[in-house]
Amino acid sequence: MNIEQYIKAINEQFRTGIAREHSYRPMLQQLLDEQLPSFVVTNEPARIDCGAPDFIISSEKTNTPVFYIEAKDIDDRDLDGRKENKEQFSRYKKSLDHIIFTDYLDFHLW
């Protein structure tokens, strides 16, 4: 899946009017799988000490986590973790070296 296909799939799901945060995860996983061939993309991984980020991207060779992704619903107004997401994002920023916060369209790397 390329970026154009990803945006089209996200848009199709969004236009149903009933899609929520978890509805878009299969598209993001497919995009990541195809764009990061030497990594393992795990959706809904086991809980870790600081919580349960939505995705862990690990090295295919060593299974070592390289970065994490926390996904929020499209148009989430707090991808910087200043309001509603503050407690969760603060925990992740403090504990994880590399995390991306996304609403499936905007991606913020911390």
Protein backbone atom coordinates (compact mmCIF):
# COMPACT_ATOMS: atom_id res chain seq x y z
CA MET A 1 0.00 0.00 0.00
CA ASN A 2 1.40 3.37 -0.96
CA ILE A 3 0.46 6.73 0.56
CA GLU A 4 -2.16 7.47 -2.08
CA GLN A 5 -3.87 4.11 -1.49
CA TYR A 6 -3.65 4.63 2.27
CA ILE A 7 -5.34 8.06 2.10
CA LYS A 8 -8.03 6.67 -0.21
CA ALA A 9 -8.77 3.77 2.17
CA ILE A 10 -8.84 6.08 5.21
CA ASN A 11 -11.19 8.45 3.38
CA GLU A 12 -13.54 5.64 2.36
CA GLN A 13 -13.77 4.48 5.97
CA PHE A 14 -14.21 8.04 7.26
CA ARG A 15 -17.05 8.77 4.82
CA THR A 16 -19.16 5.99 6.33
CA GLY A 17 -19.78 8.31 9.25
CA ILE A 18 -19.56 5.43 11.73
CA ALA A 19 -15.80 4.78 11.78
CA ARG A 20 -13.85 5.39 14.97
CA GLU A 21 -10.21 5.17 16.10
CA HIS A 22 -9.85 1.40 15.74
CA SER A 23 -11.51 1.36 12.29
CA TYR A 24 -8.39 2.79 10.65
CA ARG A 25 -5.81 0.49 12.23
CA PRO A 26 -5.82 -2.16 9.48
CA MET A 27 -4.93 0.48 6.89
CA LEU A 28 -2.11 1.87 9.02
CA GLN A 29 -0.77 -1.62 9.66
CA GLN A 30 -0.82 -2.45 5.96
CA LEU A 31 0.96 0.81 5.10
CA LEU A 32 3.63 0.21 7.75
CA ASP A 33 4.10 -3.45 6.77
CA GLU A 34 4.71 -2.53 3.16
CA GLN A 35 6.82 0.57 3.79
CA LEU A 36 8.98 -0.99 6.53
CA PRO A 37 9.87 -4.44 5.15
CA SER A 38 12.72 -5.13 7.60
CA PHE A 39 10.51 -4.52 10.65
CA VAL A 40 7.70 -6.36 12.38
CA VAL A 41 4.58 -4.28 12.93
CA THR A 42 2.47 -5.44 15.89
CA ASN A 43 -1.00 -4.00 16.44
CA GLU A 44 -2.36 -4.27 20.01
CA PRO A 45 0.87 -5.66 21.52
CA ALA A 46 1.15 -6.89 25.08
CA ARG A 47 1.06 -4.20 27.73
CA ILE A 48 4.42 -2.74 28.82
CA ASP A 49 5.35 -0.91 32.04
CA CYS A 50 4.19 2.54 30.85
CA GLY A 51 0.94 1.36 29.27
CA ALA A 52 -0.26 -0.13 26.00
CA PRO A 53 0.79 1.79 22.88
CA ASP A 54 -1.29 0.76 19.88
CA PHE A 55 1.62 -0.45 17.74
CA ILE A 56 5.17 -1.60 18.35
CA ILE A 57 7.58 -1.57 15.42
CA SER A 58 10.38 -4.06 16.05
CA SER A 59 13.54 -5.12 14.29
CA GLU A 60 12.86 -8.22 12.23
CA LYS A 61 16.29 -9.66 13.07
CA THR A 62 16.40 -9.06 16.83
CA ASN A 63 12.72 -8.47 17.71
CA THR A 64 13.90 -5.36 19.59
CA PRO A 65 11.36 -2.52 19.69
CA VAL A 66 12.53 0.40 17.54
CA PHE A 67 9.56 2.73 17.98
CA TYR A 68 5.98 2.83 19.17
CA ILE A 69 2.80 4.37 17.79
CA GLU A 70 -0.20 5.67 19.71
CA ALA A 71 -3.18 6.25 17.41
CA LYS A 72 -6.11 8.52 18.16
CA ASP A 73 -9.27 9.17 16.18
CA ILE A 74 -9.12 11.33 13.06
CA ASP A 75 -9.09 15.03 13.93
CA ASP A 76 -7.99 14.43 17.52
CA ARG A 77 -7.15 17.96 18.63
CA ASP A 78 -4.54 16.92 21.19
CA LEU A 79 -1.76 15.12 19.31
CA ASP A 80 0.77 17.09 21.34
CA GLY A 81 -0.66 15.81 24.63
CA ARG A 82 -1.49 19.14 26.19
CA LYS A 83 -5.10 18.49 27.22
CA GLU A 84 -7.17 15.30 27.03
CA ASN A 85 -4.21 13.08 26.15
CA LYS A 86 -1.77 14.71 28.58
CA GLU A 87 -1.48 11.97 31.22
CA GLN A 88 -1.10 9.12 28.71
CA PHE A 89 1.26 11.00 26.40
CA SER A 90 3.40 12.20 29.30
CA ARG A 91 3.84 8.60 30.49
CA TYR A 92 4.85 7.49 27.02
CA LYS A 93 7.21 10.42 26.39
CA LYS A 94 8.92 9.78 29.73
CA SER A 95 9.31 6.02 29.21
CA LEU A 96 9.80 5.49 25.47
CA ASP A 97 12.72 6.78 23.41
CA HIS A 98 10.78 6.96 20.14
CA ILE A 99 7.01 7.28 19.87
CA ILE A 100 4.72 8.62 17.18
CA PHE A 101 1.33 10.06 18.06
CA THR A 102 -1.08 10.04 15.14
CA ASP A 103 -4.67 10.62 14.12
CA TYR A 104 -3.90 8.54 10.99
CA LEU A 105 -3.29 11.70 8.94
CA ASP A 106 -0.92 13.77 11.09
CA PHE A 107 2.11 12.08 12.63
CA HIS A 108 4.00 13.65 15.56
CA LEU A 109 7.36 12.05 16.43
CA TRP A 110 8.63 12.39 20.01
